[in-house]
Amino acid sequence: AGSDIISFHPDADKNSKDIIKQIKSNNCKVGIAIHPNVKINDIKQFLEDIDCVIVMTVVPGFGGQKFMHSEINKIVELDNIKKQRNLNFEIEVDGGINKETGKLCREKNANILVAGSYIFSSGKENYKQMIDSLR
């Protein structure tokens, strides 16, 4: 389909190692998306084999939800592990991202932000301004 990175939720299937292998065998990068109920400890064994961890700061399902500040701890924990083990995965944050929460995530070393409602509810003429406010 042309994708160069495929992410999955490890809590959706018990065979995460096999999924990682399958994705990599198709010359794609691998991302793991962690629901607020998934602990970093649950995915630690995969961090050397993946390219991205997506920290969900809302319960997946619909747009416009409020950012769950408790999930900032996961960003910090992932960043610490990344530095301690000299790993290269990216830290992506998805859910409730706006100017304020985006800044907070960047301060904790998240390097990819996913913003939907914040940008698209502002009107097409404001898209650039909204995106720039996240930089």
N, C-alpha and C. Protein backbone atom coordinates (compact mmCIF):
# COMPACT_ATOMS: atom_id res chain seq x y z
N ALA A 1 0.82 -1.21 0.00
CA ALA A 1 0.00 0.00 0.00
C ALA A 1 0.86 1.26 0.00
N GLY A 2 2.18 1.09 0.14
CA GLY A 2 3.06 2.25 0.11
C GLY A 2 3.46 2.78 1.47
N SER A 3 3.06 2.12 2.52
CA SER A 3 3.42 2.57 3.86
C SER A 3 4.89 2.29 4.13
N ASP A 4 5.52 3.20 4.88
CA ASP A 4 6.90 2.92 5.25
C ASP A 4 7.04 2.71 6.75
N ILE A 5 5.95 2.90 7.49
CA ILE A 5 5.92 2.54 8.91
C ILE A 5 4.53 2.02 9.24
N ILE A 6 4.51 0.91 9.97
CA ILE A 6 3.24 0.31 10.41
C ILE A 6 3.29 0.18 11.92
N SER A 7 2.27 0.69 12.57
CA SER A 7 2.18 0.62 14.03
C SER A 7 1.03 -0.28 14.44
N PHE A 8 1.20 -0.87 15.60
CA PHE A 8 0.14 -1.75 16.12
C PHE A 8 0.05 -1.60 17.64
N HIS A 9 -1.08 -2.02 18.18
CA HIS A 9 -1.29 -2.03 19.63
C HIS A 9 -0.92 -3.43 20.15
N PRO A 10 0.11 -3.54 20.97
CA PRO A 10 0.54 -4.86 21.44
C PRO A 10 -0.51 -5.57 22.31
N ASP A 11 -1.41 -4.81 22.90
CA ASP A 11 -2.45 -5.43 23.72
C ASP A 11 -3.56 -6.05 22.88
N ALA A 12 -3.52 -5.84 21.56
CA ALA A 12 -4.53 -6.40 20.66
C ALA A 12 -4.20 -7.82 20.22
N ASP A 13 -2.96 -8.24 20.43
CA ASP A 13 -2.51 -9.56 19.98
C ASP A 13 -1.37 -10.02 20.87
N LYS A 14 -1.31 -11.28 21.19
CA LYS A 14 -0.27 -11.80 22.08
C LYS A 14 1.05 -12.11 21.37
N ASN A 15 1.10 -11.95 20.07
CA ASN A 15 2.29 -12.32 19.29
C ASN A 15 3.05 -11.10 18.78
N SER A 16 3.34 -10.16 19.66
CA SER A 16 4.00 -8.93 19.24
C SER A 16 5.33 -9.17 18.55
N LYS A 17 6.12 -10.11 19.05
CA LYS A 17 7.42 -10.41 18.41
C LYS A 17 7.22 -10.82 16.96
N ASP A 18 6.22 -11.68 16.71
CA ASP A 18 5.94 -12.13 15.35
C ASP A 18 5.45 -10.98 14.47
N ILE A 19 4.63 -10.11 15.04
CA ILE A 19 4.12 -8.96 14.28
C ILE A 19 5.27 -8.05 13.89
N ILE A 20 6.18 -7.79 14.83
CA ILE A 20 7.35 -6.94 14.55
C ILE A 20 8.17 -7.56 13.41
N LYS A 21 8.41 -8.87 13.51
CA LYS A 21 9.18 -9.57 12.47
C LYS A 21 8.50 -9.47 11.10
N GLN A 22 7.19 -9.68 11.09
CA GLN A 22 6.43 -9.63 9.84
C GLN A 22 6.49 -8.25 9.20
N ILE A 23 6.33 -7.21 10.00
CA ILE A 23 6.37 -5.85 9.47
C ILE A 23 7.76 -5.56 8.91
N LYS A 24 8.80 -5.90 9.68
CA LYS A 24 10.18 -5.65 9.23
C LYS A 24 10.51 -6.44 7.97
N SER A 25 9.95 -7.64 7.83
CA SER A 25 10.24 -8.46 6.65
C SER A 25 9.67 -7.83 5.38
N ASN A 26 8.78 -6.86 5.55
CA ASN A 26 8.20 -6.14 4.41
C ASN A 26 8.86 -4.77 4.22
N ASN A 27 10.08 -4.64 4.76
CA ASN A 27 10.86 -3.40 4.63
C ASN A 27 10.13 -2.16 5.14
N CYS A 28 9.42 -2.33 6.24
CA CYS A 28 8.74 -1.21 6.88
C CYS A 28 9.31 -1.00 8.27
N LYS A 29 9.22 0.23 8.72
CA LYS A 29 9.54 0.53 10.11
C LYS A 29 8.37 0.07 10.97
N VAL A 30 8.65 -0.17 12.25
CA VAL A 30 7.63 -0.69 13.16
C VAL A 30 7.39 0.29 14.31
N GLY A 31 6.12 0.53 14.57
CA GLY A 31 5.73 1.34 15.72
C GLY A 31 4.80 0.56 16.64
N ILE A 32 4.92 0.83 17.92
CA ILE A 32 4.01 0.25 18.91
C ILE A 32 3.21 1.38 19.53
N ALA A 33 1.89 1.27 19.48
CA ALA A 33 1.00 2.26 20.08
C ALA A 33 0.53 1.75 21.43
N ILE A 34 0.74 2.57 22.46
CA ILE A 34 0.35 2.11 23.79
C ILE A 34 -0.83 2.92 24.33
N HIS A 35 -1.89 2.20 24.58
CA HIS A 35 -3.13 2.67 25.18
C HIS A 35 -2.81 3.14 26.61
N PRO A 36 -3.57 4.08 27.17
CA PRO A 36 -3.28 4.52 28.54
C PRO A 36 -3.20 3.39 29.57
N ASN A 37 -3.84 2.25 29.32
CA ASN A 37 -3.78 1.14 30.28
C ASN A 37 -2.55 0.26 30.12
N VAL A 38 -1.75 0.48 29.08
CA VAL A 38 -0.54 -0.32 28.85
C VAL A 38 0.64 0.37 29.53
N LYS A 39 1.37 -0.39 30.29
CA LYS A 39 2.54 0.15 30.99
C LYS A 39 3.79 -0.02 30.13
N ILE A 40 4.76 0.86 30.35
CA ILE A 40 6.03 0.79 29.62
C ILE A 40 6.69 -0.56 29.86
N ASN A 41 6.57 -1.06 31.07
CA ASN A 41 7.14 -2.37 31.41
C ASN A 41 6.61 -3.47 30.48
N ASP A 42 5.38 -3.32 30.01
CA ASP A 42 4.76 -4.31 29.13
C ASP A 42 5.40 -4.36 27.74
N ILE A 43 6.11 -3.29 27.35
CA ILE A 43 6.69 -3.24 26.01
C ILE A 43 8.22 -3.14 26.01
N LYS A 44 8.82 -3.08 27.19
CA LYS A 44 10.27 -2.90 27.29
C LYS A 44 11.06 -3.88 26.44
N GLN A 45 10.62 -5.13 26.37
CA GLN A 45 11.36 -6.15 25.64
C GLN A 45 11.36 -5.92 24.14
N PHE A 46 10.52 -5.01 23.64
CA PHE A 46 10.44 -4.75 22.20
C PHE A 46 11.19 -3.49 21.76
N LEU A 47 11.63 -2.68 22.70
CA LEU A 47 12.16 -1.36 22.38
C LEU A 47 13.40 -1.39 21.49
N GLU A 48 14.19 -2.45 21.57
CA GLU A 48 15.38 -2.54 20.71
C GLU A 48 15.02 -2.89 19.27
N ASP A 49 13.82 -3.41 19.06
CA ASP A 49 13.43 -3.89 17.74
C ASP A 49 12.48 -2.96 16.99
N ILE A 50 12.08 -1.86 17.62
CA ILE A 50 11.08 -1.00 16.99
C ILE A 50 11.66 0.37 16.65
N ASP A 51 10.91 1.12 15.87
CA ASP A 51 11.34 2.43 15.40
C ASP A 51 10.58 3.57 16.05
N CYS A 52 9.44 3.27 16.68
CA CYS A 52 8.60 4.33 17.22
C CYS A 52 7.69 3.76 18.31
N VAL A 53 7.50 4.55 19.36
CA VAL A 53 6.47 4.24 20.37
C VAL A 53 5.47 5.39 20.33
N ILE A 54 4.22 5.05 20.13
CA ILE A 54 3.16 6.05 20.13
C ILE A 54 2.48 6.00 21.49
N VAL A 55 2.64 7.08 22.25
CA VAL A 55 2.00 7.19 23.55
C VAL A 55 0.63 7.80 23.33
N MET A 56 -0.41 7.01 23.55
CA MET A 56 -1.78 7.50 23.42
C MET A 56 -2.13 8.25 24.71
N THR A 57 -2.46 9.53 24.56
CA THR A 57 -2.79 10.35 25.72
C THR A 57 -4.29 10.55 25.85
N VAL A 58 -5.03 9.71 25.16
CA VAL A 58 -6.49 9.58 25.27
C VAL A 58 -6.80 8.10 25.07
N VAL A 59 -8.00 7.72 25.39
CA VAL A 59 -8.44 6.36 25.10
C VAL A 59 -8.85 6.35 23.63
N PRO A 60 -8.20 5.54 22.78
CA PRO A 60 -8.51 5.56 21.35
C PRO A 60 -9.98 5.30 21.07
N GLY A 61 -10.50 6.01 20.06
CA GLY A 61 -11.88 5.76 19.68
C GLY A 61 -12.53 6.93 18.97
N PHE A 62 -12.27 8.14 19.44
CA PHE A 62 -12.88 9.30 18.78
C PHE A 62 -12.05 10.55 19.06
N GLY A 63 -12.15 11.51 18.17
CA GLY A 63 -11.39 12.75 18.28
C GLY A 63 -11.97 13.72 19.29
N GLY A 64 -11.17 14.71 19.65
CA GLY A 64 -11.62 15.79 20.51
C GLY A 64 -11.54 15.51 22.00
N GLN A 65 -10.92 14.40 22.39
CA GLN A 65 -10.83 14.09 23.82
C GLN A 65 -9.77 14.94 24.51
N LYS A 66 -9.92 15.07 25.84
CA LYS A 66 -8.96 15.82 26.63
C LYS A 66 -7.69 15.00 26.85
N PHE A 67 -6.58 15.69 26.79
CA PHE A 67 -5.25 15.14 27.03
C PHE A 67 -5.16 14.60 28.46
N MET A 68 -4.67 13.37 28.59
CA MET A 68 -4.50 12.75 29.92
C MET A 68 -3.07 13.04 30.40
N HIS A 69 -2.93 14.00 31.30
CA HIS A 69 -1.61 14.42 31.78
C HIS A 69 -0.82 13.30 32.45
N SER A 70 -1.49 12.30 32.95
CA SER A 70 -0.79 11.17 33.59
C SER A 70 0.12 10.45 32.60
N GLU A 71 -0.16 10.55 31.32
CA GLU A 71 0.63 9.84 30.30
C GLU A 71 1.98 10.50 30.03
N ILE A 72 2.17 11.71 30.52
CA ILE A 72 3.47 12.38 30.40
C ILE A 72 4.56 11.53 31.04
N ASN A 73 4.20 10.83 32.12
CA ASN A 73 5.18 9.96 32.80
C ASN A 73 5.74 8.90 31.86
N LYS A 74 4.92 8.44 30.92
CA LYS A 74 5.39 7.43 29.96
C LYS A 74 6.41 8.02 29.00
N ILE A 75 6.19 9.27 28.61
CA ILE A 75 7.14 9.94 27.72
C ILE A 75 8.49 10.05 28.41
N VAL A 76 8.46 10.48 29.66
CA VAL A 76 9.69 10.62 30.45
C VAL A 76 10.38 9.27 30.61
N GLU A 77 9.61 8.25 30.95
CA GLU A 77 10.17 6.91 31.14
C GLU A 77 10.79 6.38 29.85
N LEU A 78 10.10 6.56 28.74
CA LEU A 78 10.63 6.12 27.44
C LEU A 78 11.92 6.87 27.10
N ASP A 79 11.92 8.16 27.33
CA ASP A 79 13.11 8.96 27.04
C ASP A 79 14.30 8.49 27.89
N ASN A 80 14.05 8.19 29.15
CA ASN A 80 15.12 7.69 30.03
C ASN A 80 15.67 6.36 29.54
N ILE A 81 14.78 5.45 29.18
CA ILE A 81 15.21 4.14 28.67
C ILE A 81 16.00 4.31 27.38
N LYS A 82 15.51 5.16 26.52
CA LYS A 82 16.16 5.43 25.23
C LYS A 82 17.60 5.90 25.45
N LYS A 83 17.78 6.81 26.40
CA LYS A 83 19.12 7.34 26.69
C LYS A 83 20.00 6.30 27.38
N GLN A 84 19.44 5.60 28.36
CA GLN A 84 20.21 4.60 29.12
C GLN A 84 20.69 3.47 28.22
N ARG A 85 19.84 3.03 27.30
CA ARG A 85 20.17 1.88 26.45
C ARG A 85 20.67 2.29 25.07
N ASN A 86 20.83 3.60 24.87
CA ASN A 86 21.31 4.13 23.61
C ASN A 86 20.49 3.61 22.42
N LEU A 87 19.17 3.76 22.51
CA LEU A 87 18.26 3.29 21.47
C LEU A 87 17.83 4.46 20.59
N ASN A 88 17.26 4.14 19.45
CA ASN A 88 16.94 5.18 18.46
C ASN A 88 15.46 5.33 18.15
N PHE A 89 14.57 4.69 18.87
CA PHE A 89 13.15 4.82 18.54
C PHE A 89 12.66 6.25 18.77
N GLU A 90 11.66 6.62 18.00
CA GLU A 90 11.06 7.94 18.15
C GLU A 90 9.92 7.84 19.16
N ILE A 91 9.63 8.95 19.81
CA ILE A 91 8.52 9.01 20.76
C ILE A 91 7.46 9.93 20.16
N GLU A 92 6.33 9.32 19.85
CA GLU A 92 5.21 10.03 19.24
C GLU A 92 4.09 10.13 20.26
N VAL A 93 3.36 11.23 20.24
CA VAL A 93 2.25 11.42 21.18
C VAL A 93 0.99 11.71 20.37
N ASP A 94 -0.08 11.00 20.71
CA ASP A 94 -1.33 11.11 19.98
C ASP A 94 -2.49 11.23 20.95
N GLY A 95 -3.22 12.34 20.85
CA GLY A 95 -4.43 12.52 21.65
C GLY A 95 -4.42 13.80 22.45
N GLY A 96 -5.36 14.68 22.16
CA GLY A 96 -5.49 15.91 22.93
C GLY A 96 -4.35 16.89 22.74
N ILE A 97 -3.66 16.78 21.61
CA ILE A 97 -2.53 17.68 21.36
C ILE A 97 -3.03 19.05 20.91
N ASN A 98 -2.53 20.07 21.59
CA ASN A 98 -2.78 21.46 21.21
C ASN A 98 -1.51 22.24 21.52
N LYS A 99 -1.57 23.54 21.44
CA LYS A 99 -0.37 24.36 21.65
C LYS A 99 0.27 24.09 23.01
N GLU A 100 -0.53 24.01 24.06
CA GLU A 100 0.00 23.82 25.41
C GLU A 100 0.49 22.39 25.65
N THR A 101 -0.33 21.40 25.29
CA THR A 101 0.08 20.02 25.54
C THR A 101 1.22 19.61 24.61
N GLY A 102 1.23 20.14 23.41
CA GLY A 102 2.33 19.88 22.48
C GLY A 102 3.65 20.37 23.04
N LYS A 103 3.63 21.57 23.60
CA LYS A 103 4.85 22.14 24.20
C LYS A 103 5.32 21.26 25.36
N LEU A 104 4.39 20.84 26.19
CA LEU A 104 4.72 19.97 27.33
C LEU A 104 5.37 18.67 26.85
N CYS A 105 4.82 18.06 25.81
CA CYS A 105 5.36 16.81 25.26
C CYS A 105 6.75 17.02 24.67
N ARG A 106 6.93 18.11 23.95
CA ARG A 106 8.24 18.41 23.38
C ARG A 106 9.28 18.62 24.48
N GLU A 107 8.88 19.28 25.56
CA GLU A 107 9.80 19.51 26.69
C GLU A 107 10.26 18.19 27.31
N LYS A 108 9.44 17.15 27.19
CA LYS A 108 9.78 15.83 27.73
C LYS A 108 10.43 14.95 26.69
N ASN A 109 10.79 15.52 25.55
CA ASN A 109 11.53 14.87 24.46
C ASN A 109 10.71 13.99 23.53
N ALA A 110 9.41 14.21 23.46
CA ALA A 110 8.63 13.58 22.39
C ALA A 110 9.03 14.29 21.10
N ASN A 111 9.18 13.55 20.01
CA ASN A 111 9.62 14.21 18.78
C ASN A 111 8.62 14.12 17.63
N ILE A 112 7.47 13.48 17.85
CA ILE A 112 6.39 13.49 16.86
C ILE A 112 5.09 13.76 17.60
N LEU A 113 4.33 14.73 17.10
CA LEU A 113 3.03 15.05 17.69
C LEU A 113 1.94 14.80 16.65
N VAL A 114 0.85 14.16 17.08
CA VAL A 114 -0.30 13.94 16.22
C VAL A 114 -1.40 14.87 16.70
N ALA A 115 -1.83 15.76 15.84
CA ALA A 115 -2.88 16.72 16.22
C ALA A 115 -3.98 16.67 15.17
N GLY A 116 -5.16 16.30 15.58
CA GLY A 116 -6.29 16.23 14.66
C GLY A 116 -7.26 17.37 14.90
N SER A 117 -8.06 17.25 15.93
CA SER A 117 -9.11 18.24 16.21
C SER A 117 -8.56 19.64 16.38
N TYR A 118 -7.40 19.75 17.01
CA TYR A 118 -6.80 21.07 17.24
C TYR A 118 -6.60 21.81 15.92
N ILE A 119 -6.15 21.10 14.92
CA ILE A 119 -5.89 21.73 13.63
C ILE A 119 -7.17 21.84 12.80
N PHE A 120 -7.87 20.72 12.64
CA PHE A 120 -8.95 20.66 11.67
C PHE A 120 -10.25 21.31 12.12
N SER A 121 -10.37 21.63 13.40
CA SER A 121 -11.58 22.32 13.86
C SER A 121 -11.42 23.83 13.78
N SER A 122 -10.26 24.30 13.34
CA SER A 122 -9.99 25.74 13.32
C SER A 122 -10.33 26.42 12.00
N GLY A 123 -10.67 25.67 10.99
CA GLY A 123 -10.93 26.25 9.68
C GLY A 123 -9.70 26.20 8.81
N LYS A 124 -9.91 25.87 7.56
CA LYS A 124 -8.81 25.66 6.62
C LYS A 124 -7.85 26.85 6.54
N GLU A 125 -8.37 28.04 6.67
CA GLU A 125 -7.53 29.24 6.57
C GLU A 125 -6.55 29.35 7.75
N ASN A 126 -6.78 28.59 8.81
CA ASN A 126 -5.92 28.65 10.00
C ASN A 126 -4.98 27.45 10.14
N TYR A 127 -5.02 26.48 9.24
CA TYR A 127 -4.23 25.26 9.36
C TYR A 127 -2.74 25.56 9.58
N LYS A 128 -2.18 26.41 8.75
CA LYS A 128 -0.75 26.70 8.85
C LYS A 128 -0.41 27.30 10.21
N GLN A 129 -1.21 28.24 10.65
CA GLN A 129 -0.99 28.88 11.96
C GLN A 129 -1.06 27.85 13.09
N MET A 130 -2.03 26.96 13.03
CA MET A 130 -2.19 25.95 14.07
C MET A 130 -1.01 24.97 14.07
N ILE A 131 -0.59 24.55 12.89
CA ILE A 131 0.56 23.65 12.78
C ILE A 131 1.82 24.34 13.29
N ASP A 132 2.02 25.59 12.88
CA ASP A 132 3.19 26.33 13.33
C ASP A 132 3.22 26.49 14.85
N SER A 133 2.04 26.57 15.48
CA SER A 133 1.99 26.74 16.94
C SER A 133 2.48 25.49 17.68
N LEU A 134 2.57 24.38 16.96
CA LEU A 134 3.04 23.12 17.58
C LEU A 134 4.55 22.94 17.45
N ARG A 135 5.20 23.75 16.67
CA ARG A 135 6.65 23.61 16.42
C ARG A 135 7.48 24.10 17.60
